[in-house]
Amino acid sequence: MKPAWTTPAGLLVATFALSMGALLAGALTPQAARAENTSAIEHIKACARSNVPDPGAIRAMRFTSRDRVGNTKVTRVRISGKRAEDGSRRILARFLAPPEMAGTMLLMIERDGDNELYFKTPELSEPKLISGRDQAMTLFGTDFSFEDFQNLQSFNRPGHSKQLADSKVSGHDVWVVETLPEDADSSAYESVVTSIDKKTCIALKIEMYAPGGRVRKVLNVDPNQIQKRGDVWIAHHALMKDVRDYTETQLLVESVETHMDFPADRFDPSSLRTPTTGGGAGSN
């Protein structure tokens, strides 16, 4: 199984406590040390999966973006999803505000190695497949790109991960993981460094590096806004800063509603097509 690369789900990323064997990696042969590091990353992936909310729960999210001169814009999104029989997820994001974006939809389909991402506005009769470098485009004036939004939903992406030295963020002990995309042409980032809270398994800080090794974006999570819902920890507030462009976007999870068992065809690209008479993808 390939290690998932970035899951900057400041809202969703999790990790298991690492095995004592990993602490002894320096005393092992290089081959054994690599094996221990791989085992530690697999623990992190397993805990991340256990901390991802049920895709059937409807989430209301608000993005408040500020440009370099202080102008603000509020974007509201409702997210619903469904888990397929093979365990993969399909997530549908419907944009409610601002008015010019109302009715816009984003469909994410989890695949082994290469996820599918479809974008549909009321003006388009057919959904558009977003792939490769196009995923680096910003998402409707926020500091999140299409790629970032996938990662926010903890969708697996192929790549290579390794554990770095432990650290602290906002007084919390964290594990630190560096991840590299398997295909550089499929990502805007050369690497992503994620600092994961040892208590809650939530990523408290994610640093995204552009080609050349310079920090492009930083996502910070407010530890005081992390809440536990059942067995899952959810961070309700995060701040994404674009270091290059001097902009920022505040993300707030406004509500998480009860699980809804939507029909599978709701999360098929064909459901996003503009019907000639009535119908459509419906509301979530």
Protein backbone atom coordinates (compact mmCIF):
# COMPACT_ATOMS: atom_id res chain seq x y z
CA MET A 1 0.00 0.00 0.00
CA LYS A 2 1.37 3.43 -0.94
CA PRO A 3 1.62 6.07 1.77
CA ALA A 4 -0.98 8.80 1.27
CA TRP A 5 0.68 12.09 0.63
CA THR A 6 -0.76 15.32 1.90
CA THR A 7 -3.91 15.38 3.98
CA PRO A 8 -3.84 19.02 5.12
CA ALA A 9 -6.96 18.44 6.76
CA GLY A 10 -6.21 20.68 9.58
CA LEU A 11 -9.73 19.58 10.28
CA LEU A 12 -9.23 15.92 9.73
CA VAL A 13 -5.64 14.61 9.81
CA ALA A 14 -4.84 12.13 12.59
CA THR A 15 -2.10 9.80 13.80
CA PHE A 16 -1.51 6.82 16.06
CA ALA A 17 1.06 6.82 18.84
CA LEU A 18 4.29 5.64 17.22
CA SER A 19 5.82 2.32 18.17
CA MET A 20 8.80 2.26 20.54
CA GLY A 21 10.76 0.58 17.78
CA ALA A 22 10.66 3.77 15.74
CA LEU A 23 12.45 5.59 18.55
CA LEU A 24 15.36 3.19 18.13
CA ALA A 25 15.67 3.67 14.38
CA GLY A 26 19.00 5.44 14.73
CA ALA A 27 20.51 2.25 16.18
CA LEU A 28 19.22 0.08 13.34
CA THR A 29 20.65 -0.64 9.92
CA PRO A 30 19.53 1.83 7.18
CA GLN A 31 17.21 -0.83 5.74
CA ALA A 32 15.65 -1.53 9.14
CA ALA A 33 15.33 2.18 9.90
CA ARG A 34 13.45 2.71 6.65
CA ALA A 35 11.15 -0.17 7.53
CA GLU A 36 10.46 1.32 10.98
CA ASN A 37 9.72 4.72 9.41
CA THR A 38 7.30 3.13 6.94
CA SER A 39 5.56 1.37 9.83
CA ALA A 40 5.19 4.69 11.69
CA ILE A 41 3.68 6.35 8.62
CA GLU A 42 1.23 3.48 8.26
CA HIS A 43 0.16 4.10 11.87
CA ILE A 44 -0.41 7.76 11.00
CA LYS A 45 -2.52 6.81 7.97
CA ALA A 46 -4.58 4.36 10.01
CA CYS A 47 -5.34 6.95 12.67
CA ALA A 48 -6.17 9.55 10.01
CA ARG A 49 -8.74 7.20 8.56
CA SER A 50 -10.27 6.61 11.99
CA ASN A 51 -10.57 10.38 12.56
CA VAL A 52 -12.33 11.21 9.26
CA PRO A 53 -16.01 12.08 9.82
CA ASP A 54 -18.71 9.91 8.28
CA PRO A 55 -19.02 11.10 4.65
CA GLY A 56 -22.81 10.92 5.03
CA ALA A 57 -22.79 13.70 7.63
CA ILE A 58 -23.72 17.06 6.13
CA ARG A 59 -21.24 19.79 6.98
CA ALA A 60 -21.78 23.53 6.63
CA MET A 61 -18.54 25.46 6.12
CA ARG A 62 -17.76 29.15 5.81
CA PHE A 63 -14.65 30.57 4.13
CA THR A 64 -13.84 34.23 4.88
CA SER A 65 -11.11 35.48 2.55
CA ARG A 66 -9.06 38.67 2.89
CA ASP A 67 -6.93 40.06 0.07
CA ARG A 68 -3.70 42.04 0.47
CA VAL A 69 -5.53 45.39 0.79
CA GLY A 70 -8.01 44.14 3.38
CA ASN A 71 -11.09 43.44 1.26
CA THR A 72 -13.09 40.44 2.49
CA LYS A 73 -15.33 37.88 0.81
CA VAL A 74 -17.49 35.18 2.43
CA THR A 75 -18.08 31.83 0.73
CA ARG A 76 -20.52 29.28 2.17
CA VAL A 77 -20.51 25.60 1.27
CA ARG A 78 -22.57 22.55 2.23
CA ILE A 79 -20.81 19.21 1.91
CA SER A 80 -22.40 15.77 1.73
CA GLY A 81 -21.00 12.40 0.74
CA LYS A 82 -21.33 8.67 0.48
CA ARG A 83 -19.02 5.72 0.95
CA ALA A 84 -18.98 3.17 -1.89
CA GLU A 85 -19.04 -0.59 -1.36
CA ASP A 86 -15.26 -0.72 -1.90
CA GLY A 87 -14.72 1.77 0.96
CA SER A 88 -13.86 4.77 -1.25
CA ARG A 89 -15.66 8.07 -0.78
CA ARG A 90 -17.56 10.49 -2.98
CA ILE A 91 -17.96 14.06 -1.72
CA LEU A 92 -20.28 16.71 -3.17
CA ALA A 93 -19.75 20.35 -2.26
CA ARG A 94 -22.57 22.77 -3.11
CA PHE A 95 -21.77 26.49 -2.96
CA LEU A 96 -24.51 28.67 -1.45
CA ALA A 97 -22.86 32.11 -1.25
CA PRO A 98 -21.92 34.63 -2.51
CA PRO A 99 -24.92 34.94 -4.88
CA GLU A 100 -22.80 34.73 -8.03
CA MET A 101 -21.58 31.29 -6.94
CA ALA A 102 -24.91 29.85 -5.81
CA GLY A 103 -25.56 26.52 -7.53
CA THR A 104 -21.90 25.83 -8.24
CA MET A 105 -20.91 22.25 -7.38
CA LEU A 106 -17.68 20.34 -6.84
CA LEU A 107 -17.68 16.53 -6.94
CA MET A 108 -14.70 14.56 -5.63
CA ILE A 109 -14.41 10.83 -6.32
CA GLU A 110 -11.74 8.88 -4.44
CA ARG A 111 -9.74 6.53 -6.67
CA ASP A 112 -6.61 4.44 -6.14
CA GLY A 113 -3.68 6.58 -7.25
CA ASP A 114 -5.60 9.33 -9.04
CA ASN A 115 -8.78 10.93 -7.70
CA GLU A 116 -11.39 12.49 -9.98
CA LEU A 117 -12.51 16.08 -9.47
CA TYR A 118 -15.47 17.59 -11.32
CA PHE A 119 -16.52 21.24 -11.35
CA LYS A 120 -19.94 22.53 -12.45
CA THR A 121 -21.44 26.03 -12.57
CA PRO A 122 -25.01 26.91 -13.57
CA GLU A 123 -23.58 28.32 -16.82
CA LEU A 124 -21.97 25.00 -17.82
CA SER A 125 -24.21 22.32 -19.30
CA GLU A 126 -21.64 19.58 -18.52
CA PRO A 127 -19.33 19.14 -15.51
CA LYS A 128 -15.67 19.90 -16.16
CA LEU A 129 -12.98 17.41 -15.14
CA ILE A 130 -10.17 19.18 -13.25
CA SER A 131 -6.87 17.34 -13.54
CA GLY A 132 -3.10 17.81 -13.30
CA ARG A 133 -1.83 21.34 -12.76
CA ASP A 134 -5.35 22.75 -13.15
CA GLN A 135 -5.95 21.61 -9.58
CA ALA A 136 -3.58 24.37 -8.43
CA MET A 137 -6.13 27.03 -9.42
CA THR A 138 -7.64 28.94 -6.51
CA LEU A 139 -11.12 28.00 -5.41
CA PHE A 140 -13.43 30.96 -6.01
CA GLY A 141 -11.28 33.70 -4.55
CA THR A 142 -10.23 31.81 -1.43
CA ASP A 143 -6.66 30.76 -0.55
CA PHE A 144 -7.65 27.13 -1.07
CA SER A 145 -6.95 25.54 -4.43
CA PHE A 146 -8.89 22.61 -5.90
CA GLU A 147 -5.97 20.47 -4.70
CA ASP A 148 -6.19 21.93 -1.18
CA PHE A 149 -9.93 21.27 -1.06
CA GLN A 150 -9.37 17.60 -1.88
CA ASN A 151 -6.79 17.41 0.85
CA LEU A 152 -9.21 19.12 3.25
CA GLN A 153 -11.51 16.14 2.78
CA SER A 154 -8.59 13.76 3.51
CA PHE A 155 -8.64 12.22 0.05
CA ASN A 156 -5.63 9.96 -0.44
CA ARG A 157 -3.06 11.07 -3.00
CA PRO A 158 -0.11 8.93 -4.13
CA GLY A 159 3.27 9.93 -2.78
CA HIS A 160 6.04 9.29 -0.27
CA SER A 161 6.08 10.22 3.42
CA LYS A 162 8.70 10.22 6.16
CA GLN A 163 8.74 11.11 9.83
CA LEU A 164 10.79 14.13 10.93
CA ALA A 165 11.85 15.12 14.47
CA ASP A 166 9.09 15.74 17.00
CA SER A 167 8.26 19.38 17.79
CA LYS A 168 5.74 21.68 19.52
CA VAL A 169 2.94 23.82 18.09
CA SER A 170 1.02 26.25 20.32
CA GLY A 171 2.41 24.39 23.35
CA HIS A 172 1.21 21.01 22.07
CA ASP A 173 3.55 18.09 21.46
CA VAL A 174 3.37 17.08 17.80
CA TRP A 175 4.68 14.47 15.43
CA VAL A 176 6.03 15.93 12.18
CA VAL A 177 5.62 14.24 8.80
CA GLU A 178 7.04 15.38 5.47
CA THR A 179 5.24 14.23 2.32
CA LEU A 180 6.30 14.42 -1.32
CA PRO A 181 3.97 13.94 -4.32
CA GLU A 182 4.70 10.87 -6.39
CA ASP A 183 4.08 12.83 -9.60
CA ALA A 184 5.44 16.38 -9.42
CA ASP A 185 3.31 17.39 -12.41
CA SER A 186 0.11 16.56 -10.50
CA SER A 187 0.77 18.92 -7.58
CA ALA A 188 1.58 22.58 -7.05
CA TYR A 189 3.72 21.63 -4.04
CA GLU A 190 7.22 20.21 -3.84
CA SER A 191 6.54 18.98 -0.32
CA VAL A 192 4.13 19.34 2.59
CA VAL A 193 5.18 19.27 6.27
CA THR A 194 2.38 18.39 8.70
CA SER A 195 2.60 18.82 12.49
CA ILE A 196 0.13 16.46 14.21
CA ASP A 197 -1.11 16.84 17.78
CA LYS A 198 -0.20 13.76 19.82
CA LYS A 199 -3.34 14.08 21.96
CA THR A 200 -6.10 14.58 19.39
CA CYS A 201 -4.43 13.36 16.17
CA ILE A 202 -5.39 16.65 14.49
CA ALA A 203 -2.91 18.49 12.28
CA LEU A 204 -2.23 21.79 14.04
CA LYS A 205 0.04 23.19 11.34
CA ILE A 206 0.60 22.37 7.67
CA GLU A 207 3.37 24.03 5.66
CA MET A 208 3.11 23.72 1.87
CA TYR A 209 6.34 24.27 -0.07
CA ALA A 210 6.49 25.44 -3.67
CA PRO A 211 9.13 24.12 -6.10
CA GLY A 212 12.49 25.46 -4.96
CA GLY A 213 11.75 24.85 -1.29
CA ARG A 214 10.08 28.16 -0.40
CA VAL A 215 6.98 28.14 1.83
CA ARG A 216 3.91 28.97 -0.28
CA LYS A 217 1.03 28.40 2.16
CA VAL A 218 0.62 27.71 5.87
CA LEU A 219 -2.54 26.28 7.46
CA ASN A 220 -2.91 26.77 11.23
CA VAL A 221 -5.61 25.18 13.38
CA ASP A 222 -6.86 26.71 16.63
CA PRO A 223 -6.37 23.98 19.29
CA ASN A 224 -9.10 25.59 21.41
CA GLN A 225 -11.63 24.96 18.62
CA ILE A 226 -11.08 21.19 18.45
CA GLN A 227 -14.14 19.25 19.58
CA LYS A 228 -14.90 15.55 19.85
CA ARG A 229 -18.04 14.23 18.16
CA GLY A 230 -18.48 10.58 19.08
CA ASP A 231 -15.14 8.92 18.41
CA VAL A 232 -13.96 11.63 15.98
CA TRP A 233 -12.03 14.82 16.74
CA ILE A 234 -12.98 17.78 14.51
CA ALA A 235 -11.27 21.17 14.35
CA HIS A 236 -13.89 23.85 13.78
CA HIS A 237 -11.54 26.72 12.95
CA ALA A 238 -8.49 27.01 10.70
CA LEU A 239 -6.57 29.81 8.97
CA MET A 240 -4.85 29.40 5.60
CA LYS A 241 -2.22 32.03 4.73
CA ASP A 242 -0.70 32.48 1.28
CA VAL A 243 2.82 33.63 2.13
CA ARG A 244 3.63 34.71 -1.43
CA ASP A 245 0.47 36.68 -2.19
CA TYR A 246 -0.11 38.12 1.33
CA THR A 247 -3.69 36.84 1.46
CA GLU A 248 -5.52 34.63 3.94
CA THR A 249 -8.70 32.60 4.32
CA GLN A 250 -10.38 31.73 7.61
CA LEU A 251 -12.30 28.46 7.60
CA LEU A 252 -15.11 27.79 10.06
CA VAL A 253 -17.10 24.56 10.36
CA GLU A 254 -20.50 26.02 11.25
CA SER A 255 -22.40 22.77 11.76
CA VAL A 256 -22.24 18.99 11.35
CA GLU A 257 -25.65 17.39 10.79
CA THR A 258 -26.85 13.83 11.23
CA HIS A 259 -25.86 11.13 8.75
CA MET A 260 -27.98 11.06 5.59
CA ASP A 261 -28.11 8.01 3.33
CA PHE A 262 -28.24 9.64 -0.10
CA PRO A 263 -28.70 7.54 -3.27
CA ALA A 264 -25.44 6.60 -5.02
CA ASP A 265 -26.36 8.27 -8.32
CA ARG A 266 -26.34 11.64 -6.52
CA PHE A 267 -22.54 11.42 -6.52
CA ASP A 268 -22.13 10.46 -10.18
CA PRO A 269 -20.77 13.10 -12.63
CA SER A 270 -23.82 12.60 -14.85
CA SER A 271 -26.03 13.94 -12.02
CA LEU A 272 -24.31 17.34 -12.37
CA ARG A 273 -25.43 17.84 -15.94
CA THR A 274 -27.95 20.60 -16.56
CA PRO A 275 -31.25 18.86 -17.44
CA THR A 276 -33.27 20.07 -20.40
CA THR A 277 -36.45 19.98 -18.31
CA GLY A 278 -36.58 19.99 -14.49
CA GLY A 279 -34.62 17.65 -12.21
CA GLY A 280 -30.96 18.18 -11.37
CA ALA A 281 -28.64 17.25 -8.58
CA GLY A 282 -31.12 18.45 -5.94
CA SER A 283 -30.17 20.09 -2.67
CA ASN A 284 -28.01 18.73 0.08
